[in-house]
Amino acid sequence: MYFDTILQEDTPTPMEDEMSKHAFEQFKLTLQVAPIFQTLDWNIPFLVYCDAFGETMGNTISQLDENEHDHPIHFASTQLTLT
């Protein structure tokens, strides 16, 4: 089952138990909401997350707030080609 199919309204969840169903519904809601970016603060260290799989690469730059919560500043991704 593809994510675009799963994210459609009234699509049954592919899980059986109630805890998994609840977690999956929360996951669907999270994917539908845009993240709230934090304003860059040059006095706080950056956190850089990178991930690559096959021919795709992505990264996130974020910073921690005073409560140690991670807040994104920038997202980027690209499709790599064989050139």
Protein backbone atom coordinates (compact mmCIF):
# COMPACT_ATOMS: atom_id res chain seq x y z
CA MET A 1 0.00 0.00 0.00
CA TYR A 2 1.42 3.38 -0.98
CA PHE A 3 1.49 6.42 1.35
CA ASP A 4 -0.64 8.55 -0.97
CA THR A 5 -3.33 5.87 -0.82
CA ILE A 6 -3.03 5.47 2.95
CA LEU A 7 -3.24 9.22 3.56
CA GLN A 8 -6.56 9.56 1.78
CA GLU A 9 -9.57 10.13 3.99
CA ASP A 10 -11.62 7.03 4.87
CA THR A 11 -8.80 4.63 3.98
CA PRO A 12 -8.70 1.77 6.48
CA THR A 13 -5.49 1.43 8.46
CA PRO A 14 -3.38 -1.67 7.76
CA MET A 15 -3.07 -2.49 11.49
CA GLU A 16 -5.19 -4.71 13.68
CA ASP A 17 -4.75 -3.65 17.33
CA GLU A 18 -6.06 -0.35 18.73
CA MET A 19 -2.63 0.99 19.77
CA SER A 20 -1.26 0.52 16.24
CA LYS A 21 -4.37 2.10 14.72
CA HIS A 22 -4.05 5.13 17.00
CA ALA A 23 -0.31 5.49 16.25
CA PHE A 24 -0.99 5.22 12.51
CA GLU A 25 -3.75 7.85 12.64
CA GLN A 26 -1.37 10.21 14.51
CA PHE A 27 1.30 9.53 11.87
CA LYS A 28 -1.17 10.40 9.08
CA LEU A 29 -2.11 13.66 10.80
CA THR A 30 1.55 14.57 11.32
CA LEU A 31 2.32 14.09 7.62
CA GLN A 32 -0.55 16.40 6.67
CA VAL A 33 0.62 19.35 8.79
CA ALA A 34 3.47 21.58 7.65
CA PRO A 35 6.32 21.88 10.14
CA ILE A 36 6.81 25.20 11.90
CA PHE A 37 10.25 26.56 11.22
CA GLN A 38 12.26 28.33 13.89
CA THR A 39 14.08 31.56 13.20
CA LEU A 40 17.83 31.11 12.92
CA ASP A 41 19.83 32.07 16.02
CA TRP A 42 23.56 32.38 15.27
CA ASN A 43 24.38 32.07 19.00
CA ILE A 44 23.05 28.49 19.24
CA PRO A 45 24.86 25.46 17.74
CA PHE A 46 23.33 23.83 14.66
CA LEU A 47 22.23 20.22 14.38
CA VAL A 48 22.68 18.76 10.90
CA TYR A 49 20.89 15.56 9.93
CA CYS A 50 21.72 13.84 6.63
CA ASP A 51 20.20 10.77 5.03
CA ALA A 52 20.74 9.07 1.70
CA PHE A 53 19.08 6.10 0.09
CA GLY A 54 19.72 4.87 -3.41
CA GLU A 55 19.76 7.97 -5.59
CA THR A 56 18.09 10.35 -3.11
CA MET A 57 19.70 12.53 -0.48
CA GLY A 58 18.11 14.80 2.12
CA ASN A 59 19.13 16.92 5.07
CA THR A 60 17.70 19.01 7.88
CA ILE A 61 19.31 21.85 9.80
CA SER A 62 17.82 22.50 13.22
CA GLN A 63 18.53 24.01 16.63
CA LEU A 64 17.51 23.12 20.16
CA ASP A 65 15.38 25.51 22.19
CA GLU A 66 15.75 26.21 25.92
CA ASN A 67 13.74 23.02 26.67
CA GLU A 68 16.04 20.90 24.46
CA HIS A 69 13.33 20.49 21.79
CA ASP A 70 14.61 20.13 18.26
CA HIS A 71 13.23 22.81 15.86
CA PRO A 72 13.86 22.70 12.09
CA ILE A 73 15.35 25.70 10.35
CA HIS A 74 15.76 24.28 6.85
CA PHE A 75 14.94 21.12 4.88
CA ALA A 76 16.52 20.09 1.59
CA SER A 77 16.45 17.04 -0.63
CA THR A 78 17.68 16.12 -4.07
CA GLN A 79 17.55 13.30 -6.59
CA LEU A 80 21.05 12.23 -7.63
CA THR A 81 21.84 11.30 -11.23
CA LEU A 82 24.62 9.29 -12.83
CA THR A 83 26.52 11.97 -14.75
